[in-house]
Amino acid sequence: MAVITKLYILNEGFDELGLAGYVFNLSPNDQMAALRKLDALVATWEAQGLTINWVFSTDPNDSTPNDDVTVPDSALTALTTALSVRLAPSYGKTVSQDTKMAAAYGLNALRTQRAVVPQQQFPDSLPIGTGNQFPYVTYFNNGVEVASQLDIVP
């Protein structure tokens, strides 16, 4: 897990668009607009069930670029490239095919990493021999649990 600031993610997203800090000076309004898009991007992911431990502020206007965020290292590429794809139309930029592919691959890798495989119980009606591993019946005799082997008759 990396502890970084939101400003780092914003700068990486602008850098991906070719709007690096040494050439393009971001105004505070540009930073706040990009920050709102970043928070909206992560909120969209959260709504789709993809959680990356992002801490949202109670009021969108309270979010600042200097807020610390703790995200998995594997989420950084997905965040920066997806943000650059979201920011490009606002700055009249065309996103390169490489950036689009990096955003898609990063998001896919993040979804794969965060996927949760649900556990499933075998139903009671499942016949023995089709995945059911317990060929015995449990019953109680005077309050004592007794397991008895089943006699399987063809």
C-alpha atoms as a PDB file:
ATOM      1  CA  MET A   1       0.000   0.000   0.000  1.00  0.00           C
ATOM      2  CA  ALA A   2       1.283   3.385  -0.947  1.00  0.00           C
ATOM      3  CA  VAL A   3       0.519   6.517   1.057  1.00  0.00           C
ATOM      4  CA  ILE A   4       0.554   9.388  -1.402  1.00  0.00           C
ATOM      5  CA  THR A   5      -1.260  12.646  -1.920  1.00  0.00           C
ATOM      6  CA  LYS A   6      -4.058  13.255  -4.374  1.00  0.00           C
ATOM      7  CA  LEU A   7      -1.840  15.923  -5.939  1.00  0.00           C
ATOM      8  CA  TYR A   8       0.635  13.215  -6.959  1.00  0.00           C
ATOM      9  CA  ILE A   9      -2.122  11.341  -8.817  1.00  0.00           C
ATOM     10  CA  LEU A  10      -3.297  14.579 -10.451  1.00  0.00           C
ATOM     11  CA  ASN A  11       0.213  15.453 -11.612  1.00  0.00           C
ATOM     12  CA  GLU A  12       0.753  11.948 -13.013  1.00  0.00           C
ATOM     13  CA  GLY A  13      -2.569  12.152 -14.853  1.00  0.00           C
ATOM     14  CA  PHE A  14      -1.657  15.512 -16.402  1.00  0.00           C
ATOM     15  CA  ASP A  15       1.808  14.205 -17.231  1.00  0.00           C
ATOM     16  CA  GLU A  16       0.211  11.299 -19.101  1.00  0.00           C
ATOM     17  CA  LEU A  17      -1.599  13.884 -21.240  1.00  0.00           C
ATOM     18  CA  GLY A  18       1.595  15.771 -21.988  1.00  0.00           C
ATOM     19  CA  LEU A  19       0.673  18.608 -19.651  1.00  0.00           C
ATOM     20  CA  ALA A  20       3.626  18.219 -17.311  1.00  0.00           C
ATOM     21  CA  GLY A  21       4.219  20.752 -14.558  1.00  0.00           C
ATOM     22  CA  TYR A  22       7.402  22.133 -16.084  1.00  0.00           C
ATOM     23  CA  VAL A  23       5.510  23.145 -19.252  1.00  0.00           C
ATOM     24  CA  PHE A  24       1.960  23.671 -18.080  1.00  0.00           C
ATOM     25  CA  ASN A  25       1.174  25.490 -14.833  1.00  0.00           C
ATOM     26  CA  LEU A  26      -2.013  24.296 -13.195  1.00  0.00           C
ATOM     27  CA  SER A  27      -4.173  26.954 -11.636  1.00  0.00           C
ATOM     28  CA  PRO A  28      -5.910  26.144  -8.346  1.00  0.00           C
ATOM     29  CA  ASN A  29      -9.205  25.998 -10.257  1.00  0.00           C
ATOM     30  CA  ASP A  30      -7.734  23.414 -12.655  1.00  0.00           C
ATOM     31  CA  GLN A  31      -6.507  21.361  -9.701  1.00  0.00           C
ATOM     32  CA  MET A  32      -9.902  21.431  -8.005  1.00  0.00           C
ATOM     33  CA  ALA A  33     -11.735  20.515 -11.220  1.00  0.00           C
ATOM     34  CA  ALA A  34      -9.345  17.608 -11.785  1.00  0.00           C
ATOM     35  CA  LEU A  35      -9.699  16.578  -8.142  1.00  0.00           C
ATOM     36  CA  ARG A  36     -13.492  16.452  -8.463  1.00  0.00           C
ATOM     37  CA  LYS A  37     -13.085  14.258 -11.567  1.00  0.00           C
ATOM     38  CA  LEU A  38     -10.677  12.001  -9.677  1.00  0.00           C
ATOM     39  CA  ASP A  39     -13.085  11.628  -6.756  1.00  0.00           C
ATOM     40  CA  ALA A  40     -15.949  10.977  -9.205  1.00  0.00           C
ATOM     41  CA  LEU A  41     -13.858   8.340 -10.984  1.00  0.00           C
ATOM     42  CA  VAL A  42     -13.155   6.484  -7.751  1.00  0.00           C
ATOM     43  CA  ALA A  43     -16.800   6.867  -6.670  1.00  0.00           C
ATOM     44  CA  THR A  44     -17.835   5.221  -9.950  1.00  0.00           C
ATOM     45  CA  TRP A  45     -15.468   2.336  -9.250  1.00  0.00           C
ATOM     46  CA  GLU A  46     -16.862   2.011  -5.721  1.00  0.00           C
ATOM     47  CA  ALA A  47     -20.418   1.933  -7.108  1.00  0.00           C
ATOM     48  CA  GLN A  48     -19.353  -0.926  -9.384  1.00  0.00           C
ATOM     49  CA  GLY A  49     -18.008  -2.841  -6.374  1.00  0.00           C
ATOM     50  CA  LEU A  50     -14.314  -2.057  -6.912  1.00  0.00           C
ATOM     51  CA  THR A  51     -12.945  -0.787  -3.604  1.00  0.00           C
ATOM     52  CA  ILE A  52      -9.432   0.604  -3.294  1.00  0.00           C
ATOM     53  CA  ASN A  53      -9.577   2.016   0.279  1.00  0.00           C
ATOM     54  CA  TRP A  54     -10.224   5.546  -0.967  1.00  0.00           C
ATOM     55  CA  VAL A  55     -11.328   7.950   1.759  1.00  0.00           C
ATOM     56  CA  PHE A  56     -13.984  10.349   0.563  1.00  0.00           C
ATOM     57  CA  SER A  57     -14.604  13.650   2.315  1.00  0.00           C
ATOM     58  CA  THR A  58     -18.093  14.288   3.642  1.00  0.00           C
ATOM     59  CA  ASP A  59     -18.429  17.340   1.400  1.00  0.00           C
ATOM     60  CA  PRO A  60     -16.872  17.367  -2.089  1.00  0.00           C
ATOM     61  CA  ASN A  61     -15.721  20.937  -1.496  1.00  0.00           C
ATOM     62  CA  ASP A  62     -13.669  19.808   1.519  1.00  0.00           C
ATOM     63  CA  SER A  63     -11.410  17.602  -0.603  1.00  0.00           C
ATOM     64  CA  THR A  64      -7.960  19.112  -1.156  1.00  0.00           C
ATOM     65  CA  PRO A  65      -5.079  18.062  -3.415  1.00  0.00           C
ATOM     66  CA  ASN A  66      -2.846  17.616  -0.356  1.00  0.00           C
ATOM     67  CA  ASP A  67      -5.079  14.936   1.202  1.00  0.00           C
ATOM     68  CA  ASP A  68      -3.249  11.682   1.838  1.00  0.00           C
ATOM     69  CA  VAL A  69      -4.683   8.553   0.289  1.00  0.00           C
ATOM     70  CA  THR A  70      -3.723   4.953   0.906  1.00  0.00           C
ATOM     71  CA  VAL A  71      -4.194   2.884  -2.223  1.00  0.00           C
ATOM     72  CA  PRO A  72      -2.690  -0.392  -3.390  1.00  0.00           C
ATOM     73  CA  ASP A  73       0.383   0.027  -5.579  1.00  0.00           C
ATOM     74  CA  SER A  74      -1.426  -1.854  -8.314  1.00  0.00           C
ATOM     75  CA  ALA A  75      -4.095   0.872  -8.399  1.00  0.00           C
ATOM     76  CA  LEU A  76      -1.738   3.748  -9.247  1.00  0.00           C
ATOM     77  CA  THR A  77      -1.450   2.994 -12.961  1.00  0.00           C
ATOM     78  CA  ALA A  78      -5.187   2.476 -13.265  1.00  0.00           C
ATOM     79  CA  LEU A  79      -5.876   5.731 -11.408  1.00  0.00           C
ATOM     80  CA  THR A  80      -3.458   7.937 -13.323  1.00  0.00           C
ATOM     81  CA  THR A  81      -4.275   6.631 -16.797  1.00  0.00           C
ATOM     82  CA  ALA A  82      -8.040   6.567 -16.232  1.00  0.00           C
ATOM     83  CA  LEU A  83      -7.846  10.103 -14.869  1.00  0.00           C
ATOM     84  CA  SER A  84      -5.944  11.271 -17.937  1.00  0.00           C
ATOM     85  CA  VAL A  85      -8.632   9.753 -20.167  1.00  0.00           C
ATOM     86  CA  ARG A  86     -11.265  11.654 -18.179  1.00  0.00           C
ATOM     87  CA  LEU A  87      -9.326  14.940 -18.248  1.00  0.00           C
ATOM     88  CA  ALA A  88      -8.389  14.947 -21.942  1.00  0.00           C
ATOM     89  CA  PRO A  89     -11.611  16.440 -23.381  1.00  0.00           C
ATOM     90  CA  SER A  90     -11.494  19.334 -20.904  1.00  0.00           C
ATOM     91  CA  TYR A  91      -8.075  20.391 -22.205  1.00  0.00           C
ATOM     92  CA  GLY A  92      -8.640  19.701 -25.887  1.00  0.00           C
ATOM     93  CA  LYS A  93      -6.218  16.799 -25.865  1.00  0.00           C
ATOM     94  CA  THR A  94      -6.452  13.500 -27.684  1.00  0.00           C
ATOM     95  CA  VAL A  95      -5.547  10.500 -25.591  1.00  0.00           C
ATOM     96  CA  SER A  96      -2.975   8.202 -27.167  1.00  0.00           C
ATOM     97  CA  GLN A  97      -3.880   4.614 -27.897  1.00  0.00           C
ATOM     98  CA  ASP A  98      -1.167   3.502 -25.461  1.00  0.00           C
ATOM     99  CA  THR A  99      -2.753   5.500 -22.642  1.00  0.00           C
ATOM    100  CA  LYS A 100      -6.192   4.090 -23.395  1.00  0.00           C
ATOM    101  CA  MET A 101      -4.820   0.558 -23.385  1.00  0.00           C
ATOM    102  CA  ALA A 102      -2.876   1.182 -20.168  1.00  0.00           C
ATOM    103  CA  ALA A 103      -6.063   2.483 -18.535  1.00  0.00           C
ATOM    104  CA  ALA A 104      -8.052  -0.553 -19.681  1.00  0.00           C
ATOM    105  CA  TYR A 105      -5.353  -3.038 -18.647  1.00  0.00           C
ATOM    106  CA  GLY A 106      -4.820  -1.288 -15.312  1.00  0.00           C
ATOM    107  CA  LEU A 107      -8.523  -1.328 -14.504  1.00  0.00           C
ATOM    108  CA  ASN A 108      -8.841  -4.951 -15.594  1.00  0.00           C
ATOM    109  CA  ALA A 109      -5.853  -5.954 -13.440  1.00  0.00           C
ATOM    110  CA  LEU A 110      -7.304  -4.057 -10.489  1.00  0.00           C
ATOM    111  CA  ARG A 111     -10.674  -5.775 -10.890  1.00  0.00           C
ATOM    112  CA  THR A 112      -8.951  -9.146 -11.113  1.00  0.00           C
ATOM    113  CA  GLN A 113      -6.932  -8.459  -7.977  1.00  0.00           C
ATOM    114  CA  ARG A 114      -9.954  -7.229  -6.025  1.00  0.00           C
ATOM    115  CA  ALA A 115     -12.331  -9.983  -7.174  1.00  0.00           C
ATOM    116  CA  VAL A 116     -13.971 -11.935  -4.394  1.00  0.00           C
ATOM    117  CA  VAL A 117     -14.949 -15.503  -5.163  1.00  0.00           C
ATOM    118  CA  PRO A 118     -18.048 -16.371  -3.160  1.00  0.00           C
ATOM    119  CA  GLN A 119     -18.025 -19.547  -1.113  1.00  0.00           C
ATOM    120  CA  GLN A 120     -20.783 -22.013  -1.906  1.00  0.00           C
ATOM    121  CA  GLN A 121     -22.153 -24.792   0.246  1.00  0.00           C
ATOM    122  CA  PHE A 122     -23.263 -28.070  -1.249  1.00  0.00           C
ATOM    123  CA  PRO A 123     -27.041 -28.452  -1.000  1.00  0.00           C
ATOM    124  CA  ASP A 124     -28.454 -31.167   1.233  1.00  0.00           C
ATOM    125  CA  SER A 125     -30.102 -32.758  -1.794  1.00  0.00           C
ATOM    126  CA  LEU A 126     -26.761 -33.400  -3.539  1.00  0.00           C
ATOM    127  CA  PRO A 127     -26.276 -37.161  -3.987  1.00  0.00           C
ATOM    128  CA  ILE A 128     -23.140 -38.743  -2.622  1.00  0.00           C
ATOM    129  CA  GLY A 129     -20.475 -39.145  -5.273  1.00  0.00           C
ATOM    130  CA  THR A 130     -21.151 -35.921  -7.189  1.00  0.00           C
ATOM    131  CA  GLY A 131     -18.943 -33.746  -5.053  1.00  0.00           C
ATOM    132  CA  ASN A 132     -20.478 -34.479  -1.683  1.00  0.00           C
ATOM    133  CA  GLN A 133     -17.654 -35.707   0.559  1.00  0.00           C
ATOM    134  CA  PHE A 134     -19.658 -36.775   3.607  1.00  0.00           C
ATOM    135  CA  PRO A 135     -21.135 -40.290   3.261  1.00  0.00           C
ATOM    136  CA  TYR A 136     -22.545 -40.444   6.766  1.00  0.00           C
ATOM    137  CA  VAL A 137     -25.594 -39.282   8.608  1.00  0.00           C
ATOM    138  CA  THR A 138     -25.372 -37.481  11.914  1.00  0.00           C
ATOM    139  CA  TYR A 139     -28.074 -38.197  14.449  1.00  0.00           C
ATOM    140  CA  PHE A 140     -28.445 -37.824  18.176  1.00  0.00           C
ATOM    141  CA  ASN A 141     -28.810 -40.715  20.613  1.00  0.00           C
ATOM    142  CA  ASN A 142     -29.785 -39.501  24.101  1.00  0.00           C
ATOM    143  CA  GLY A 143     -28.232 -36.105  23.386  1.00  0.00           C
ATOM    144  CA  VAL A 144     -24.921 -37.561  22.150  1.00  0.00           C
ATOM    145  CA  GLU A 145     -23.974 -36.946  18.525  1.00  0.00           C
ATOM    146  CA  VAL A 146     -23.399 -40.202  16.651  1.00  0.00           C
ATOM    147  CA  ALA A 147     -22.146 -40.495  13.060  1.00  0.00           C
ATOM    148  CA  SER A 148     -23.208 -43.553  11.152  1.00  0.00           C
ATOM    149  CA  GLN A 149     -21.812 -44.760   7.806  1.00  0.00           C
ATOM    150  CA  LEU A 150     -24.455 -44.919   5.106  1.00  0.00           C
ATOM    151  CA  ASP A 151     -24.973 -48.197   3.369  1.00  0.00           C
ATOM    152  CA  ILE A 152     -25.049 -47.389  -0.318  1.00  0.00           C
ATOM    153  CA  VAL A 153     -27.278 -49.915  -2.029  1.00  0.00           C
ATOM    154  CA  PRO A 154     -27.562 -49.922  -5.826  1.00  0.00           C
END
